[in-house]
């Protein structure tokens, strides 16, 4: 199954009763496994989670630790990039050259690297003694 097929399918499981803005994410780990996530809203808005974060959590829960590629899909006129927090989460688990594909349900897409998505990202190297 392709990342686009997986993200499109899982997007339907998003819990978005307030915004009605369903997002699906699919990533392939460097081990070759597929991991999926959807946005999950909460009446206390800050407590919701993004699709990208869900896919990364599923990857970690399975024992995988690195992203080889990731795709995000939403129903909007133009491909929507991940929020700032998810950009940082992706950068934590992916090399700068990893491809991030942003898609719409109408078939538009945009592909960029993690470095393009989040230039100047904060990483563990800044915390080295």
N, C-alpha and C. Protein backbone atom coordinates (compact mmCIF):
# COMPACT_ATOMS: atom_id res chain seq x y z
N UNK A 1 0.85 -1.17 0.00
CA UNK A 1 0.00 0.00 0.00
C UNK A 1 0.90 1.25 0.00
N UNK A 2 0.55 2.23 -0.83
CA UNK A 2 1.33 3.46 -0.89
C UNK A 2 1.01 4.35 0.31
N UNK A 3 1.89 5.30 0.57
CA UNK A 3 1.62 6.25 1.65
C UNK A 3 0.35 7.03 1.37
N UNK A 4 0.13 7.41 0.12
CA UNK A 4 -1.07 8.18 -0.23
C UNK A 4 -2.33 7.35 0.03
N UNK A 5 -2.33 6.10 -0.38
CA UNK A 5 -3.50 5.24 -0.14
C UNK A 5 -3.76 5.08 1.35
N UNK A 6 -2.70 4.83 2.10
CA UNK A 6 -2.84 4.61 3.54
C UNK A 6 -3.34 5.87 4.25
N UNK A 7 -2.75 7.02 3.93
CA UNK A 7 -3.15 8.28 4.58
C UNK A 7 -4.58 8.65 4.21
N UNK A 8 -4.95 8.41 2.96
CA UNK A 8 -6.31 8.71 2.51
C UNK A 8 -7.32 7.86 3.26
N UNK A 9 -7.01 6.59 3.41
CA UNK A 9 -7.92 5.69 4.14
C UNK A 9 -8.03 6.05 5.62
N UNK A 10 -6.90 6.24 6.27
CA UNK A 10 -6.90 6.47 7.71
C UNK A 10 -7.52 7.83 8.04
N UNK A 11 -7.40 8.80 7.14
CA UNK A 11 -7.97 10.13 7.36
C UNK A 11 -9.45 10.07 7.73
N UNK A 12 -10.15 9.10 7.18
CA UNK A 12 -11.58 8.95 7.47
C UNK A 12 -11.84 8.62 8.94
N UNK A 13 -10.82 8.14 9.64
CA UNK A 13 -10.97 7.79 11.06
C UNK A 13 -10.66 8.96 12.00
N UNK A 14 -10.29 10.10 11.44
CA UNK A 14 -9.98 11.27 12.27
C UNK A 14 -11.18 11.63 13.13
N UNK A 15 -10.89 12.12 14.32
CA UNK A 15 -11.94 12.57 15.24
C UNK A 15 -11.91 14.09 15.21
N UNK A 16 -12.76 14.69 14.38
CA UNK A 16 -12.75 16.14 14.19
C UNK A 16 -14.17 16.71 14.23
N UNK A 17 -14.90 16.48 15.35
CA UNK A 17 -16.28 16.96 15.41
C UNK A 17 -16.42 18.47 15.52
N UNK A 18 -15.37 19.17 15.90
CA UNK A 18 -15.46 20.61 16.10
C UNK A 18 -15.05 21.38 14.85
N UNK A 19 -13.93 21.04 14.27
CA UNK A 19 -13.45 21.74 13.08
C UNK A 19 -13.92 21.09 11.78
N UNK A 20 -14.23 19.80 11.85
CA UNK A 20 -14.55 19.00 10.67
C UNK A 20 -13.37 18.98 9.67
N UNK A 21 -12.19 19.26 10.16
CA UNK A 21 -10.97 19.29 9.34
C UNK A 21 -10.19 18.00 9.62
N UNK A 22 -10.47 16.97 8.83
CA UNK A 22 -9.83 15.67 9.03
C UNK A 22 -8.48 15.63 8.34
N UNK A 23 -7.50 15.11 9.06
CA UNK A 23 -6.14 14.99 8.54
C UNK A 23 -5.67 13.56 8.75
N UNK A 24 -5.01 13.02 7.73
CA UNK A 24 -4.41 11.69 7.83
C UNK A 24 -2.93 11.78 7.55
N UNK A 25 -2.15 10.98 8.24
CA UNK A 25 -0.70 10.93 8.02
C UNK A 25 -0.26 9.49 7.92
N UNK A 26 0.65 9.25 7.01
CA UNK A 26 1.26 7.92 6.88
C UNK A 26 2.75 8.12 6.74
N UNK A 27 3.50 7.32 7.47
CA UNK A 27 4.95 7.37 7.34
C UNK A 27 5.50 5.96 7.19
N UNK A 28 6.62 5.90 6.52
CA UNK A 28 7.34 4.64 6.42
C UNK A 28 8.62 4.82 7.21
N UNK A 29 8.87 3.87 8.09
CA UNK A 29 10.08 3.94 8.91
C UNK A 29 11.26 3.44 8.09
N UNK A 30 12.46 3.69 8.59
CA UNK A 30 13.65 3.20 7.90
C UNK A 30 13.69 1.68 7.89
N UNK A 31 12.93 1.06 8.78
CA UNK A 31 12.83 -0.41 8.80
C UNK A 31 11.83 -0.92 7.76
N UNK A 32 11.12 0.00 7.09
CA UNK A 32 10.18 -0.37 6.04
C UNK A 32 8.75 -0.56 6.49
N UNK A 33 8.46 -0.27 7.76
CA UNK A 33 7.11 -0.45 8.29
C UNK A 33 6.26 0.80 8.08
N UNK A 34 4.97 0.60 7.89
CA UNK A 34 4.00 1.67 7.70
C UNK A 34 3.37 2.03 9.03
N UNK A 35 3.30 3.33 9.34
CA UNK A 35 2.68 3.81 10.58
C UNK A 35 1.72 4.94 10.23
N UNK A 36 0.55 4.92 10.85
CA UNK A 36 -0.52 5.84 10.51
C UNK A 36 -0.94 6.70 11.69
N UNK A 37 -1.50 7.86 11.39
CA UNK A 37 -2.02 8.74 12.42
C UNK A 37 -3.13 9.61 11.87
N UNK A 38 -4.00 10.06 12.75
CA UNK A 38 -5.08 11.00 12.41
C UNK A 38 -5.13 12.08 13.48
N UNK A 39 -5.72 13.21 13.12
CA UNK A 39 -5.91 14.23 14.14
C UNK A 39 -7.06 13.80 15.06
N UNK A 40 -6.91 14.11 16.33
CA UNK A 40 -7.91 13.76 17.34
C UNK A 40 -8.19 15.02 18.14
N UNK A 41 -9.36 15.61 17.92
CA UNK A 41 -9.73 16.84 18.61
C UNK A 41 -10.28 16.55 20.00
N UNK A 42 -10.35 17.60 20.79
CA UNK A 42 -10.87 17.51 22.13
C UNK A 42 -11.63 18.81 22.41
N UNK A 43 -12.69 18.74 23.17
CA UNK A 43 -13.46 19.94 23.50
C UNK A 43 -12.57 21.00 24.16
N UNK A 44 -11.57 20.57 24.88
CA UNK A 44 -10.55 21.48 25.40
C UNK A 44 -9.47 21.55 24.33
N UNK A 45 -9.62 22.49 23.39
CA UNK A 45 -8.82 22.53 22.16
C UNK A 45 -7.33 22.24 22.31
N UNK A 46 -6.63 22.78 23.27
CA UNK A 46 -5.19 22.49 23.32
C UNK A 46 -4.87 21.02 23.56
N UNK A 47 -5.84 20.25 23.96
CA UNK A 47 -5.59 18.85 24.28
C UNK A 47 -5.69 17.92 23.08
N UNK A 48 -6.02 18.44 21.92
CA UNK A 48 -6.09 17.62 20.71
C UNK A 48 -4.69 17.23 20.25
N UNK A 49 -4.63 16.28 19.32
CA UNK A 49 -3.35 15.87 18.76
C UNK A 49 -3.42 15.88 17.24
N UNK A 50 -2.30 16.09 16.63
CA UNK A 50 -2.19 16.15 15.17
C UNK A 50 -1.95 14.76 14.59
N UNK A 51 -2.28 14.61 13.32
CA UNK A 51 -2.09 13.34 12.62
C UNK A 51 -0.62 12.93 12.57
N UNK A 52 0.25 13.91 12.31
CA UNK A 52 1.67 13.61 12.22
C UNK A 52 2.20 13.08 13.55
N UNK A 53 1.79 13.72 14.64
CA UNK A 53 2.22 13.27 15.97
C UNK A 53 1.71 11.87 16.26
N UNK A 54 0.48 11.57 15.82
CA UNK A 54 -0.08 10.23 16.01
C UNK A 54 0.71 9.17 15.26
N UNK A 55 1.10 9.47 14.03
CA UNK A 55 1.88 8.52 13.24
C UNK A 55 3.26 8.29 13.86
N UNK A 56 3.86 9.37 14.35
CA UNK A 56 5.17 9.24 15.01
C UNK A 56 5.06 8.43 16.30
N UNK A 57 4.00 8.67 17.06
CA UNK A 57 3.79 7.88 18.29
C UNK A 57 3.59 6.41 17.96
N UNK A 58 2.83 6.12 16.90
CA UNK A 58 2.62 4.72 16.50
C UNK A 58 3.95 4.08 16.08
N UNK A 59 4.79 4.84 15.39
CA UNK A 59 6.10 4.34 14.97
C UNK A 59 6.93 3.97 16.21
N UNK A 60 6.98 4.89 17.16
CA UNK A 60 7.76 4.63 18.38
C UNK A 60 7.19 3.46 19.17
N UNK A 61 5.87 3.38 19.24
CA UNK A 61 5.23 2.28 19.98
C UNK A 61 5.57 0.93 19.37
N UNK A 62 5.80 0.90 18.07
CA UNK A 62 6.13 -0.37 17.41
C UNK A 62 7.60 -0.74 17.57
N UNK A 63 8.41 0.21 18.04
CA UNK A 63 9.83 -0.05 18.20
C UNK A 63 10.70 0.59 17.13
N UNK A 64 10.09 1.16 16.09
CA UNK A 64 10.86 1.86 15.07
C UNK A 64 11.20 3.26 15.57
N UNK A 65 12.28 3.84 15.05
CA UNK A 65 12.72 5.14 15.59
C UNK A 65 13.04 6.19 14.53
N UNK A 66 13.09 5.84 13.25
CA UNK A 66 13.47 6.82 12.22
C UNK A 66 12.47 6.80 11.07
N UNK A 67 12.19 7.99 10.56
CA UNK A 67 11.27 8.16 9.44
C UNK A 67 12.07 8.14 8.14
N UNK A 68 11.61 7.33 7.17
CA UNK A 68 12.21 7.29 5.84
C UNK A 68 11.46 8.22 4.89
N UNK A 69 10.16 8.35 5.08
CA UNK A 69 9.32 9.26 4.29
C UNK A 69 7.98 9.43 5.00
N UNK A 70 7.32 10.57 4.75
CA UNK A 70 6.05 10.85 5.40
C UNK A 70 5.15 11.60 4.43
N UNK A 71 3.85 11.34 4.54
CA UNK A 71 2.84 11.99 3.70
C UNK A 71 1.67 12.40 4.58
N UNK A 72 1.15 13.60 4.33
CA UNK A 72 0.02 14.14 5.09
C UNK A 72 -1.05 14.56 4.09
N UNK A 73 -2.32 14.24 4.38
CA UNK A 73 -3.40 14.62 3.48
C UNK A 73 -4.55 15.26 4.25
N UNK A 74 -5.13 16.31 3.64
CA UNK A 74 -6.28 17.00 4.22
C UNK A 74 -7.18 17.49 3.09
N UNK A 75 -8.41 17.78 3.43
CA UNK A 75 -9.38 18.28 2.46
C UNK A 75 -9.34 19.81 2.47
N UNK A 76 -8.52 20.38 1.60
CA UNK A 76 -8.37 21.83 1.54
C UNK A 76 -7.93 22.19 0.11
N UNK A 77 -8.02 23.46 -0.26
CA UNK A 77 -7.69 23.84 -1.63
C UNK A 77 -6.22 23.64 -2.01
N UNK A 78 -5.32 23.85 -1.07
CA UNK A 78 -3.89 23.71 -1.31
C UNK A 78 -3.29 22.77 -0.26
N UNK A 79 -2.18 22.10 -0.59
CA UNK A 79 -1.52 21.25 0.41
C UNK A 79 -1.19 22.03 1.67
N UNK A 80 -1.57 21.47 2.81
CA UNK A 80 -1.37 22.16 4.09
C UNK A 80 -0.14 21.59 4.79
N UNK A 81 0.80 22.46 5.15
CA UNK A 81 1.99 21.97 5.86
C UNK A 81 1.67 21.64 7.31
N UNK A 82 2.47 20.80 7.93
CA UNK A 82 2.29 20.50 9.35
C UNK A 82 2.46 21.77 10.20
N UNK A 83 1.84 21.77 11.35
CA UNK A 83 2.01 22.89 12.28
C UNK A 83 3.47 22.93 12.74
N UNK A 84 3.85 24.00 13.40
CA UNK A 84 5.22 24.15 13.86
C UNK A 84 5.67 23.04 14.78
N UNK A 85 4.79 22.65 15.70
CA UNK A 85 5.15 21.57 16.63
C UNK A 85 5.40 20.26 15.91
N UNK A 86 4.59 19.96 14.92
CA UNK A 86 4.77 18.71 14.17
C UNK A 86 6.00 18.77 13.27
N UNK A 87 6.32 19.95 12.77
CA UNK A 87 7.55 20.09 11.99
C UNK A 87 8.75 19.71 12.87
N UNK A 88 8.74 20.18 14.11
CA UNK A 88 9.84 19.86 15.02
C UNK A 88 9.84 18.37 15.36
N UNK A 89 8.64 17.78 15.54
CA UNK A 89 8.57 16.34 15.83
C UNK A 89 9.11 15.52 14.66
N UNK A 90 8.74 15.91 13.44
CA UNK A 90 9.24 15.20 12.26
C UNK A 90 10.76 15.32 12.21
N UNK A 91 11.29 16.52 12.43
CA UNK A 91 12.73 16.74 12.39
C UNK A 91 13.47 15.92 13.45
N UNK A 92 12.81 15.62 14.55
CA UNK A 92 13.43 14.79 15.61
C UNK A 92 13.70 13.37 15.13
N UNK A 93 12.84 12.87 14.24
CA UNK A 93 12.90 11.47 13.84
C UNK A 93 13.29 11.25 12.38
N UNK A 94 13.61 12.32 11.65
CA UNK A 94 13.94 12.20 10.23
C UNK A 94 15.19 12.99 9.90
N UNK A 95 15.99 12.47 8.99
CA UNK A 95 17.16 13.20 8.51
C UNK A 95 16.70 14.40 7.68
N UNK A 96 17.53 15.42 7.54
CA UNK A 96 17.13 16.63 6.82
C UNK A 96 16.69 16.39 5.37
N UNK A 97 17.19 15.35 4.73
CA UNK A 97 16.85 15.08 3.34
C UNK A 97 15.61 14.22 3.12
N UNK A 98 14.99 13.78 4.20
CA UNK A 98 13.78 12.95 4.09
C UNK A 98 12.67 13.74 3.43
N UNK A 99 11.93 13.08 2.53
CA UNK A 99 10.85 13.74 1.82
C UNK A 99 9.56 13.78 2.63
N UNK A 100 8.92 14.94 2.59
CA UNK A 100 7.62 15.17 3.23
C UNK A 100 6.67 15.56 2.10
N UNK A 101 5.63 14.76 1.89
CA UNK A 101 4.67 15.05 0.83
C UNK A 101 3.37 15.51 1.46
N UNK A 102 2.89 16.65 0.99
CA UNK A 102 1.66 17.26 1.49
C UNK A 102 0.63 17.15 0.38
N UNK A 103 -0.55 16.60 0.69
CA UNK A 103 -1.55 16.34 -0.33
C UNK A 103 -2.92 16.89 0.05
N UNK A 104 -3.73 17.12 -0.99
CA UNK A 104 -5.14 17.45 -0.80
C UNK A 104 -5.96 16.26 -1.27
N UNK A 105 -7.18 16.18 -0.80
CA UNK A 105 -8.06 15.10 -1.25
C UNK A 105 -8.45 15.27 -2.71
N UNK A 106 -8.23 16.46 -3.27
CA UNK A 106 -8.54 16.73 -4.67
C UNK A 106 -7.39 16.37 -5.61
N UNK A 107 -6.27 15.90 -5.06
CA UNK A 107 -5.18 15.44 -5.90
C UNK A 107 -3.98 16.36 -6.03
N UNK A 108 -3.99 17.52 -5.42
CA UNK A 108 -2.81 18.38 -5.45
C UNK A 108 -1.79 17.86 -4.45
N UNK A 109 -0.51 18.07 -4.77
CA UNK A 109 0.53 17.66 -3.83
C UNK A 109 1.74 18.57 -3.95
N UNK A 110 2.51 18.58 -2.88
CA UNK A 110 3.75 19.33 -2.82
C UNK A 110 4.72 18.49 -2.01
N UNK A 111 5.91 18.30 -2.54
CA UNK A 111 6.92 17.52 -1.83
C UNK A 111 8.11 18.41 -1.51
N UNK A 112 8.58 18.28 -0.29
CA UNK A 112 9.73 19.04 0.17
C UNK A 112 10.55 18.17 1.12
N UNK A 113 11.73 18.62 1.45
CA UNK A 113 12.55 17.88 2.41
C UNK A 113 12.23 18.39 3.82
N UNK A 114 12.65 17.62 4.80
CA UNK A 114 12.50 18.05 6.19
C UNK A 114 13.24 19.37 6.41
N UNK A 115 14.42 19.52 5.82
CA UNK A 115 15.19 20.76 5.98
C UNK A 115 14.44 21.96 5.39
N UNK A 116 13.75 21.76 4.28
CA UNK A 116 12.95 22.84 3.69
C UNK A 116 11.73 23.14 4.54
N UNK A 117 11.15 22.09 5.13
CA UNK A 117 9.97 22.25 5.97
C UNK A 117 10.29 23.01 7.25
N UNK A 118 11.47 22.74 7.81
CA UNK A 118 11.86 23.38 9.07
C UNK A 118 13.34 23.76 9.03
N UNK A 119 13.64 24.86 8.35
CA UNK A 119 15.05 25.29 8.33
C UNK A 119 15.49 25.73 9.72
N UNK A 120 16.73 25.42 10.03
CA UNK A 120 17.26 25.84 11.33
C UNK A 120 16.63 25.14 12.50
N UNK A 121 16.22 23.89 12.32
CA UNK A 121 15.54 23.18 13.41
C UNK A 121 16.44 23.01 14.63
N UNK A 122 15.83 22.98 15.78
CA UNK A 122 16.53 22.71 17.03
C UNK A 122 16.76 21.21 17.10
N UNK A 123 17.97 20.79 17.48
CA UNK A 123 18.24 19.35 17.60
C UNK A 123 19.13 19.08 18.80
N UNK A 124 19.34 17.82 19.05
CA UNK A 124 20.11 17.40 20.24
C UNK A 124 21.54 17.92 20.24
N UNK A 125 22.07 18.23 19.06
CA UNK A 125 23.42 18.77 18.99
C UNK A 125 23.60 20.06 19.74
N UNK A 126 22.55 20.83 19.90
CA UNK A 126 22.62 22.08 20.65
C UNK A 126 22.77 21.82 22.15
N UNK A 127 22.45 20.63 22.59
CA UNK A 127 22.50 20.33 24.02
C UNK A 127 23.78 19.62 24.41
N UNK A 128 24.65 19.35 23.44
CA UNK A 128 25.91 18.65 23.73
C UNK A 128 26.81 19.56 24.57
N UNK A 129 27.53 18.96 25.51
CA UNK A 129 28.41 19.77 26.37
C UNK A 129 29.59 20.36 25.59
